[in-house]
């Protein structure tokens, strides 16, 4: 038993000495290895979540907060195609004439994003509670709704 224990200790010590004796990698080789590893990471792509086009909205509510009457009413939000086929936004419409969306007409390629612009008429004081309807060729979610919220305050009269 003592011989086995002694043999095990000697083996562990021998392996430790051999491991320390090996020459360290040259800096040039290390840099090349790191560059190659970084290139491999960049080449990896995320698999699409669907074989069809798949619409994903950055946010489903655009909050204007409290803004002054006549303020800039333009806001944007991002739409991303997380599918494997081009995404087509076939129709974008506001719930009334005071909310006007502008959607890209070009297909959104897999893994790419585009912006949808919404212009709200800030000449109308009061609460903002509107919707933008987005129709697409995504078979799982052909119609998406983005809620437009906020409030337009009437500017105080000058004395």
N, C-alpha and C. Protein backbone atom coordinates (compact mmCIF):
# COMPACT_ATOMS: atom_id res chain seq x y z
N UNK A 1 0.82 -1.17 0.00
CA UNK A 1 0.00 0.00 0.00
C UNK A 1 0.87 1.25 0.00
N UNK A 2 1.95 1.21 0.83
CA UNK A 2 2.85 2.35 0.89
C UNK A 2 3.55 2.55 -0.45
N UNK A 3 3.84 1.47 -1.14
CA UNK A 3 4.50 1.56 -2.44
C UNK A 3 3.58 2.22 -3.46
N UNK A 4 2.33 1.88 -3.43
CA UNK A 4 1.36 2.47 -4.38
C UNK A 4 1.21 3.96 -4.11
N UNK A 5 1.11 4.34 -2.85
CA UNK A 5 0.99 5.74 -2.48
C UNK A 5 2.24 6.51 -2.90
N UNK A 6 3.40 5.95 -2.66
CA UNK A 6 4.66 6.58 -3.04
C UNK A 6 4.76 6.70 -4.56
N UNK A 7 4.36 5.68 -5.28
CA UNK A 7 4.38 5.71 -6.74
C UNK A 7 3.42 6.79 -7.28
N UNK A 8 2.25 6.93 -6.67
CA UNK A 8 1.28 7.95 -7.09
C UNK A 8 1.84 9.36 -6.86
N UNK A 9 2.49 9.58 -5.73
CA UNK A 9 3.06 10.90 -5.44
C UNK A 9 4.17 11.23 -6.42
N UNK A 10 5.04 10.28 -6.70
CA UNK A 10 6.14 10.50 -7.65
C UNK A 10 5.58 10.79 -9.04
N UNK A 11 4.53 10.09 -9.43
CA UNK A 11 3.92 10.31 -10.75
C UNK A 11 3.36 11.73 -10.86
N UNK A 12 2.66 12.17 -9.85
CA UNK A 12 2.08 13.52 -9.86
C UNK A 12 3.19 14.56 -9.93
N UNK A 13 4.24 14.39 -9.15
CA UNK A 13 5.35 15.34 -9.17
C UNK A 13 6.06 15.33 -10.52
N UNK A 14 6.21 14.18 -11.12
CA UNK A 14 6.86 14.08 -12.43
C UNK A 14 6.04 14.81 -13.49
N UNK A 15 4.75 14.60 -13.49
CA UNK A 15 3.88 15.28 -14.44
C UNK A 15 3.94 16.79 -14.25
N UNK A 16 4.00 17.26 -13.01
CA UNK A 16 4.09 18.69 -12.73
C UNK A 16 5.38 19.27 -13.28
N UNK A 17 6.48 18.56 -13.14
CA UNK A 17 7.77 19.06 -13.64
C UNK A 17 7.79 19.08 -15.16
N UNK A 18 7.22 18.06 -15.79
CA UNK A 18 7.18 18.00 -17.25
C UNK A 18 6.32 19.14 -17.80
N UNK A 19 5.21 19.41 -17.15
CA UNK A 19 4.32 20.48 -17.61
C UNK A 19 4.99 21.84 -17.50
N UNK A 20 5.79 22.06 -16.45
CA UNK A 20 6.48 23.34 -16.27
C UNK A 20 7.66 23.47 -17.22
N UNK A 21 8.20 22.37 -17.65
CA UNK A 21 9.38 22.41 -18.51
C UNK A 21 9.06 22.73 -19.96
N UNK A 22 7.82 22.57 -20.37
CA UNK A 22 7.51 22.86 -21.77
C UNK A 22 7.65 24.35 -22.03
N UNK A 23 8.15 24.70 -23.21
CA UNK A 23 8.42 26.09 -23.56
C UNK A 23 7.11 26.85 -23.74
N UNK A 24 7.05 28.12 -23.27
CA UNK A 24 5.84 28.91 -23.48
C UNK A 24 5.69 29.26 -24.95
N UNK A 25 4.45 29.51 -25.36
CA UNK A 25 4.19 29.86 -26.76
C UNK A 25 4.83 31.20 -27.09
N UNK A 26 5.31 31.31 -28.33
CA UNK A 26 5.92 32.57 -28.76
C UNK A 26 4.82 33.61 -28.93
N UNK A 27 5.11 34.89 -28.63
CA UNK A 27 4.09 35.92 -28.72
C UNK A 27 3.44 36.02 -30.10
N UNK A 28 4.20 35.84 -31.17
CA UNK A 28 3.63 35.93 -32.52
C UNK A 28 2.59 34.84 -32.73
N UNK A 29 2.88 33.64 -32.25
CA UNK A 29 1.93 32.55 -32.39
C UNK A 29 0.67 32.82 -31.57
N UNK A 30 0.83 33.41 -30.40
CA UNK A 30 -0.31 33.72 -29.56
C UNK A 30 -1.20 34.75 -30.25
N UNK A 31 -0.57 35.79 -30.84
CA UNK A 31 -1.34 36.83 -31.52
C UNK A 31 -2.10 36.25 -32.71
N UNK A 32 -1.43 35.36 -33.48
CA UNK A 32 -2.10 34.74 -34.62
C UNK A 32 -3.26 33.87 -34.15
N UNK A 33 -3.06 33.15 -33.06
CA UNK A 33 -4.11 32.28 -32.54
C UNK A 33 -5.30 33.11 -32.08
N UNK A 34 -5.03 34.25 -31.41
CA UNK A 34 -6.12 35.12 -30.95
C UNK A 34 -6.86 35.72 -32.15
N UNK A 35 -6.12 36.13 -33.18
CA UNK A 35 -6.75 36.70 -34.37
C UNK A 35 -7.62 35.65 -35.07
N UNK A 36 -7.12 34.42 -35.15
CA UNK A 36 -7.89 33.35 -35.78
C UNK A 36 -9.15 33.06 -34.97
N UNK A 37 -9.04 33.06 -33.65
CA UNK A 37 -10.20 32.82 -32.80
C UNK A 37 -11.22 33.94 -32.97
N UNK A 38 -10.76 35.19 -33.05
CA UNK A 38 -11.67 36.31 -33.24
C UNK A 38 -12.37 36.21 -34.59
N UNK A 39 -11.64 35.79 -35.63
CA UNK A 39 -12.24 35.63 -36.96
C UNK A 39 -13.32 34.55 -36.93
N UNK A 40 -13.07 33.48 -36.18
CA UNK A 40 -14.06 32.42 -36.07
C UNK A 40 -15.32 32.92 -35.38
N UNK A 41 -15.16 33.75 -34.34
CA UNK A 41 -16.31 34.29 -33.63
C UNK A 41 -17.12 35.19 -34.55
N UNK A 42 -16.47 36.03 -35.35
CA UNK A 42 -17.17 36.91 -36.26
C UNK A 42 -17.91 36.13 -37.34
N UNK A 43 -17.40 34.98 -37.73
CA UNK A 43 -18.00 34.20 -38.80
C UNK A 43 -19.24 33.45 -38.34
N UNK A 44 -19.40 33.28 -37.02
CA UNK A 44 -20.54 32.55 -36.49
C UNK A 44 -21.77 33.44 -36.61
N UNK A 45 -22.84 32.89 -37.13
CA UNK A 45 -24.09 33.65 -37.23
C UNK A 45 -25.16 32.96 -36.40
N UNK A 46 -26.10 33.77 -35.94
CA UNK A 46 -27.19 33.23 -35.14
C UNK A 46 -28.20 32.59 -36.08
N UNK A 47 -28.63 31.43 -35.73
CA UNK A 47 -29.61 30.72 -36.56
C UNK A 47 -30.94 31.45 -36.51
N UNK A 48 -31.63 31.54 -37.64
CA UNK A 48 -32.94 32.18 -37.64
C UNK A 48 -33.93 31.39 -36.78
N UNK A 49 -34.92 32.10 -36.25
CA UNK A 49 -35.91 31.43 -35.39
C UNK A 49 -37.00 30.76 -36.21
N UNK A 50 -37.02 31.02 -37.52
CA UNK A 50 -38.05 30.44 -38.38
C UNK A 50 -37.50 30.29 -39.80
N UNK A 51 -38.02 29.32 -40.54
CA UNK A 51 -37.64 29.19 -41.95
C UNK A 51 -38.38 30.21 -42.81
N UNK A 52 -39.44 30.79 -42.26
CA UNK A 52 -40.22 31.83 -42.94
C UNK A 52 -39.70 33.19 -42.50
N UNK A 53 -40.23 34.27 -43.07
CA UNK A 53 -39.93 35.60 -42.53
C UNK A 53 -40.50 35.68 -41.12
N UNK A 54 -39.85 36.43 -40.23
CA UNK A 54 -40.32 36.55 -38.86
C UNK A 54 -40.11 37.98 -38.38
N UNK A 55 -41.20 38.69 -38.12
CA UNK A 55 -41.14 40.09 -37.72
C UNK A 55 -40.90 40.20 -36.21
N UNK A 56 -39.99 41.10 -35.85
CA UNK A 56 -39.70 41.39 -34.45
C UNK A 56 -39.62 42.89 -34.29
N UNK A 57 -40.41 43.44 -33.38
CA UNK A 57 -40.42 44.89 -33.14
C UNK A 57 -39.56 45.22 -31.93
N UNK A 58 -38.72 46.23 -32.10
CA UNK A 58 -37.86 46.69 -31.00
C UNK A 58 -38.70 47.09 -29.79
N UNK A 59 -39.82 47.78 -30.05
CA UNK A 59 -40.75 48.13 -28.98
C UNK A 59 -42.16 48.11 -29.54
N UNK A 60 -43.09 47.80 -28.68
CA UNK A 60 -44.48 47.73 -29.12
C UNK A 60 -45.30 48.91 -28.61
N UNK A 61 -44.63 49.84 -27.92
CA UNK A 61 -45.25 51.09 -27.50
C UNK A 61 -44.27 52.22 -27.76
N UNK A 62 -44.72 53.25 -28.45
CA UNK A 62 -43.92 54.45 -28.64
C UNK A 62 -44.51 55.50 -27.70
N UNK A 63 -43.73 55.90 -26.70
CA UNK A 63 -44.21 56.83 -25.70
C UNK A 63 -43.63 58.21 -25.97
N UNK A 64 -44.49 59.14 -26.33
CA UNK A 64 -44.08 60.52 -26.57
C UNK A 64 -43.84 61.27 -25.27
N UNK A 65 -44.37 60.76 -24.18
CA UNK A 65 -44.30 61.50 -22.92
C UNK A 65 -45.20 62.72 -23.02
N UNK A 66 -44.86 63.78 -22.28
CA UNK A 66 -45.60 65.03 -22.35
C UNK A 66 -44.83 65.97 -23.26
N UNK A 67 -45.46 66.40 -24.33
CA UNK A 67 -44.80 67.30 -25.29
C UNK A 67 -45.67 68.54 -25.49
N UNK A 68 -45.03 69.62 -25.94
CA UNK A 68 -45.73 70.88 -26.18
C UNK A 68 -46.49 70.81 -27.50
N UNK A 69 -47.54 71.58 -27.57
CA UNK A 69 -48.30 71.72 -28.80
C UNK A 69 -47.38 72.26 -29.89
N UNK A 70 -47.40 71.64 -31.05
CA UNK A 70 -46.55 72.05 -32.17
C UNK A 70 -45.14 71.49 -32.14
N UNK A 71 -44.82 70.66 -31.14
CA UNK A 71 -43.47 70.06 -31.05
C UNK A 71 -43.28 69.04 -32.16
N UNK A 72 -42.05 68.60 -32.34
CA UNK A 72 -41.71 67.59 -33.34
C UNK A 72 -42.46 66.30 -33.00
N UNK A 73 -43.29 65.85 -33.91
CA UNK A 73 -44.09 64.66 -33.67
C UNK A 73 -43.55 63.41 -34.33
N UNK A 74 -42.29 63.42 -34.77
CA UNK A 74 -41.72 62.28 -35.47
C UNK A 74 -40.96 61.39 -34.49
N UNK A 75 -41.27 60.12 -34.53
CA UNK A 75 -40.56 59.11 -33.73
C UNK A 75 -40.27 57.92 -34.65
N UNK A 76 -39.24 57.14 -34.32
CA UNK A 76 -38.91 55.95 -35.10
C UNK A 76 -38.76 54.76 -34.16
N UNK A 77 -38.97 53.58 -34.72
CA UNK A 77 -38.68 52.35 -34.01
C UNK A 77 -38.20 51.32 -35.01
N UNK A 78 -37.50 50.32 -34.51
CA UNK A 78 -36.84 49.34 -35.37
C UNK A 78 -37.66 48.07 -35.51
N UNK A 79 -37.68 47.53 -36.73
CA UNK A 79 -38.28 46.23 -37.00
C UNK A 79 -37.17 45.34 -37.57
N UNK A 80 -37.09 44.11 -37.06
CA UNK A 80 -36.03 43.18 -37.46
C UNK A 80 -36.65 41.91 -38.01
N UNK A 81 -36.00 41.36 -39.03
CA UNK A 81 -36.42 40.08 -39.59
C UNK A 81 -35.59 38.98 -38.94
N UNK A 82 -36.21 38.19 -38.07
CA UNK A 82 -35.51 37.09 -37.40
C UNK A 82 -35.77 35.76 -38.08
N UNK A 83 -36.28 35.79 -39.30
CA UNK A 83 -36.54 34.58 -40.05
C UNK A 83 -35.47 34.33 -41.10
N UNK A 84 -35.70 33.31 -41.93
CA UNK A 84 -34.73 32.91 -42.94
C UNK A 84 -35.09 33.40 -44.34
N UNK A 85 -36.26 34.02 -44.50
CA UNK A 85 -36.70 34.55 -45.80
C UNK A 85 -36.90 36.06 -45.68
N UNK A 86 -36.85 36.80 -46.79
CA UNK A 86 -37.07 38.25 -46.73
C UNK A 86 -38.45 38.60 -46.15
N UNK A 87 -38.46 39.63 -45.31
CA UNK A 87 -39.69 40.12 -44.69
C UNK A 87 -40.21 41.30 -45.48
N UNK A 88 -41.48 41.24 -45.85
CA UNK A 88 -42.12 42.34 -46.57
C UNK A 88 -43.16 42.98 -45.68
N UNK A 89 -43.07 44.29 -45.49
CA UNK A 89 -44.10 45.02 -44.76
C UNK A 89 -45.10 45.46 -45.82
N UNK A 90 -46.24 44.79 -45.86
CA UNK A 90 -47.19 44.99 -46.95
C UNK A 90 -48.11 46.17 -46.73
N UNK A 91 -48.33 46.58 -45.47
CA UNK A 91 -49.19 47.73 -45.21
C UNK A 91 -48.89 48.28 -43.82
N UNK A 92 -48.80 49.59 -43.74
CA UNK A 92 -48.64 50.28 -42.46
C UNK A 92 -49.69 51.38 -42.43
N UNK A 93 -50.48 51.39 -41.36
CA UNK A 93 -51.52 52.41 -41.28
C UNK A 93 -51.71 52.85 -39.84
N UNK A 94 -52.10 54.12 -39.69
CA UNK A 94 -52.41 54.68 -38.39
C UNK A 94 -53.89 54.49 -38.10
N UNK A 95 -54.25 54.58 -36.82
CA UNK A 95 -55.65 54.41 -36.44
C UNK A 95 -56.49 55.65 -36.74
N UNK A 96 -55.83 56.75 -37.10
CA UNK A 96 -56.56 57.96 -37.52
C UNK A 96 -55.62 58.79 -38.40
N UNK A 97 -56.14 59.87 -38.94
CA UNK A 97 -55.34 60.72 -39.83
C UNK A 97 -54.25 61.51 -39.11
N UNK A 98 -54.30 61.56 -37.79
CA UNK A 98 -53.29 62.31 -37.03
C UNK A 98 -52.04 61.49 -36.77
N UNK A 99 -52.07 60.20 -37.06
CA UNK A 99 -50.93 59.30 -36.84
C UNK A 99 -50.57 58.68 -38.19
N UNK A 100 -49.41 59.09 -38.72
CA UNK A 100 -49.03 58.66 -40.07
C UNK A 100 -47.71 57.89 -40.01
N UNK A 101 -47.74 56.56 -40.22
CA UNK A 101 -46.50 55.78 -40.26
C UNK A 101 -45.90 55.75 -41.67
N UNK A 102 -44.60 55.63 -41.72
CA UNK A 102 -43.89 55.43 -42.99
C UNK A 102 -43.04 54.17 -42.84
N UNK A 103 -43.40 53.14 -43.59
CA UNK A 103 -42.69 51.86 -43.51
C UNK A 103 -41.80 51.69 -44.73
N UNK A 104 -40.68 50.96 -44.58
CA UNK A 104 -39.82 50.70 -45.73
C UNK A 104 -40.54 49.83 -46.75
N UNK A 105 -40.32 50.13 -48.02
CA UNK A 105 -40.94 49.35 -49.10
C UNK A 105 -40.05 48.19 -49.54
N UNK A 106 -38.76 48.29 -49.26
CA UNK A 106 -37.82 47.24 -49.67
C UNK A 106 -37.94 46.05 -48.72
N UNK A 107 -37.68 44.85 -49.20
CA UNK A 107 -37.68 43.68 -48.32
C UNK A 107 -36.60 43.83 -47.25
N UNK A 108 -36.90 43.34 -46.06
CA UNK A 108 -35.92 43.32 -44.98
C UNK A 108 -35.32 41.92 -44.99
N UNK A 109 -34.04 41.85 -45.31
CA UNK A 109 -33.37 40.57 -45.45
C UNK A 109 -33.22 39.87 -44.10
N UNK A 110 -33.04 38.55 -44.11
CA UNK A 110 -32.88 37.81 -42.86
C UNK A 110 -31.76 38.38 -42.00
N UNK A 111 -32.07 38.60 -40.74
CA UNK A 111 -31.09 39.12 -39.79
C UNK A 111 -30.90 40.63 -39.85
N UNK A 112 -31.55 41.30 -40.77
CA UNK A 112 -31.39 42.75 -40.93
C UNK A 112 -32.56 43.49 -40.29
N UNK A 113 -32.36 44.81 -40.12
CA UNK A 113 -33.38 45.66 -39.51
C UNK A 113 -33.67 46.86 -40.39
N UNK A 114 -34.80 47.48 -40.16
CA UNK A 114 -35.18 48.71 -40.83
C UNK A 114 -35.94 49.55 -39.82
N UNK A 115 -36.14 50.83 -40.15
CA UNK A 115 -36.85 51.72 -39.25
C UNK A 115 -38.23 52.07 -39.80
N UNK A 116 -39.18 52.15 -38.90
CA UNK A 116 -40.51 52.65 -39.21
C UNK A 116 -40.62 54.01 -38.54
N UNK A 117 -41.04 54.98 -39.30
CA UNK A 117 -41.19 56.34 -38.78
C UNK A 117 -42.67 56.62 -38.56
N UNK A 118 -42.99 57.24 -37.43
CA UNK A 118 -44.35 57.62 -37.11
C UNK A 118 -44.39 59.12 -36.88
N UNK A 119 -45.31 59.81 -37.55
CA UNK A 119 -45.49 61.25 -37.34
C UNK A 119 -46.87 61.47 -36.75
N UNK A 120 -46.88 62.07 -35.55
CA UNK A 120 -48.13 62.40 -34.88
C UNK A 120 -48.36 63.90 -35.00
N UNK A 121 -49.59 64.29 -35.27
CA UNK A 121 -49.93 65.71 -35.40
C UNK A 121 -50.00 66.33 -34.00
N UNK A 122 -48.95 67.06 -33.62
CA UNK A 122 -48.88 67.64 -32.28
C UNK A 122 -49.62 68.97 -32.19
N UNK A 123 -50.37 69.33 -33.21
CA UNK A 123 -51.19 70.53 -33.16
C UNK A 123 -52.49 70.31 -32.43
N UNK A 124 -52.72 69.10 -31.96
CA UNK A 124 -53.96 68.75 -31.26
C UNK A 124 -53.66 68.48 -29.79
N UNK A 125 -53.99 69.42 -28.90
CA UNK A 125 -53.72 69.19 -27.48
C UNK A 125 -54.59 68.05 -26.93
N UNK A 126 -54.05 67.35 -25.95
CA UNK A 126 -54.79 66.28 -25.30
C UNK A 126 -53.99 64.99 -25.26
N UNK A 127 -54.59 63.95 -24.71
CA UNK A 127 -53.88 62.67 -24.61
C UNK A 127 -53.68 62.02 -25.98
N UNK A 128 -52.59 61.30 -26.09
CA UNK A 128 -52.30 60.54 -27.31
C UNK A 128 -52.56 59.07 -26.96
N UNK A 129 -53.46 58.45 -27.70
CA UNK A 129 -53.76 57.04 -27.48
C UNK A 129 -54.15 56.46 -28.83
N UNK A 130 -53.16 56.17 -29.66
CA UNK A 130 -53.38 55.74 -31.04
C UNK A 130 -52.67 54.41 -31.29
N UNK A 131 -52.84 53.90 -32.51
CA UNK A 131 -52.20 52.65 -32.90
C UNK A 131 -51.64 52.77 -34.30
N UNK A 132 -50.56 52.01 -34.54
CA UNK A 132 -50.03 51.82 -35.89
C UNK A 132 -50.15 50.33 -36.17
N UNK A 133 -50.82 50.00 -37.26
CA UNK A 133 -51.00 48.59 -37.66
C UNK A 133 -50.00 48.26 -38.75
N UNK A 134 -49.28 47.16 -38.57
CA UNK A 134 -48.26 46.74 -39.52
C UNK A 134 -48.62 45.35 -40.03
N UNK A 135 -48.83 45.24 -41.34
CA UNK A 135 -49.11 43.95 -41.97
C UNK A 135 -47.85 43.49 -42.68
N UNK A 136 -47.56 42.19 -42.57
CA UNK A 136 -46.35 41.65 -43.19
C UNK A 136 -46.61 40.25 -43.74
N UNK A 137 -45.58 39.69 -44.35
CA UNK A 137 -45.68 38.33 -44.88
C UNK A 137 -45.21 37.27 -43.87
N UNK A 138 -45.12 37.63 -42.60
CA UNK A 138 -44.79 36.67 -41.54
C UNK A 138 -46.02 35.79 -41.31
N UNK A 139 -45.95 34.49 -41.62
CA UNK A 139 -47.13 33.64 -41.49
C UNK A 139 -47.57 33.44 -40.03
N UNK A 140 -46.66 33.58 -39.08
CA UNK A 140 -47.02 33.40 -37.67
C UNK A 140 -47.62 34.67 -37.07
N UNK A 141 -47.15 35.85 -37.52
CA UNK A 141 -47.61 37.14 -37.01
C UNK A 141 -47.85 38.09 -38.17
N UNK A 142 -48.88 37.87 -38.95
CA UNK A 142 -49.07 38.72 -40.13
C UNK A 142 -49.46 40.16 -39.80
N UNK A 143 -50.02 40.40 -38.61
CA UNK A 143 -50.44 41.74 -38.22
C UNK A 143 -49.89 42.07 -36.84
N UNK A 144 -49.14 43.15 -36.77
CA UNK A 144 -48.59 43.62 -35.49
C UNK A 144 -49.16 45.00 -35.22
N UNK A 145 -49.29 45.34 -33.94
CA UNK A 145 -49.80 46.64 -33.53
C UNK A 145 -48.76 47.31 -32.64
N UNK A 146 -48.50 48.59 -32.93
CA UNK A 146 -47.64 49.40 -32.09
C UNK A 146 -48.52 50.50 -31.50
N UNK A 147 -48.48 50.63 -30.18
CA UNK A 147 -49.31 51.62 -29.50
C UNK A 147 -48.55 52.94 -29.39
N UNK A 148 -49.26 54.03 -29.66
CA UNK A 148 -48.68 55.37 -29.59
C UNK A 148 -49.32 56.05 -28.37
N UNK A 149 -48.50 56.45 -27.42
CA UNK A 149 -48.98 57.03 -26.16
C UNK A 149 -48.31 58.37 -25.90
N UNK A 150 -48.92 59.17 -25.06
CA UNK A 150 -48.34 60.43 -24.64
C UNK A 150 -49.40 61.47 -24.40
N UNK A 151 -48.95 62.72 -24.32
CA UNK A 151 -49.88 63.82 -24.13
C UNK A 151 -49.30 65.08 -24.73
N UNK A 152 -50.15 65.81 -25.46
CA UNK A 152 -49.76 67.09 -26.04
C UNK A 152 -50.35 68.18 -25.14
N UNK A 153 -49.48 69.01 -24.54
CA UNK A 153 -49.91 70.10 -23.67
C UNK A 153 -50.04 71.37 -24.49
N UNK A 154 -51.11 72.11 -24.22
CA UNK A 154 -51.29 73.41 -24.86
C UNK A 154 -50.22 74.35 -24.28
N UNK A 155 -49.56 75.11 -25.13
CA UNK A 155 -48.53 76.03 -24.65
C UNK A 155 -49.20 77.16 -23.89
N UNK A 156 -48.61 77.58 -22.77
CA UNK A 156 -49.21 78.65 -21.99
C UNK A 156 -49.21 79.96 -22.77
N UNK A 157 -50.26 80.75 -22.59
CA UNK A 157 -50.39 82.04 -23.29
C UNK A 157 -49.37 83.03 -22.73
N UNK A 158 -48.79 83.83 -23.62
CA UNK A 158 -47.81 84.83 -23.19
C UNK A 158 -48.55 86.00 -22.53
N UNK A 159 -47.98 86.54 -21.44
CA UNK A 159 -48.61 87.68 -20.73
C UNK A 159 -48.23 88.97 -21.35
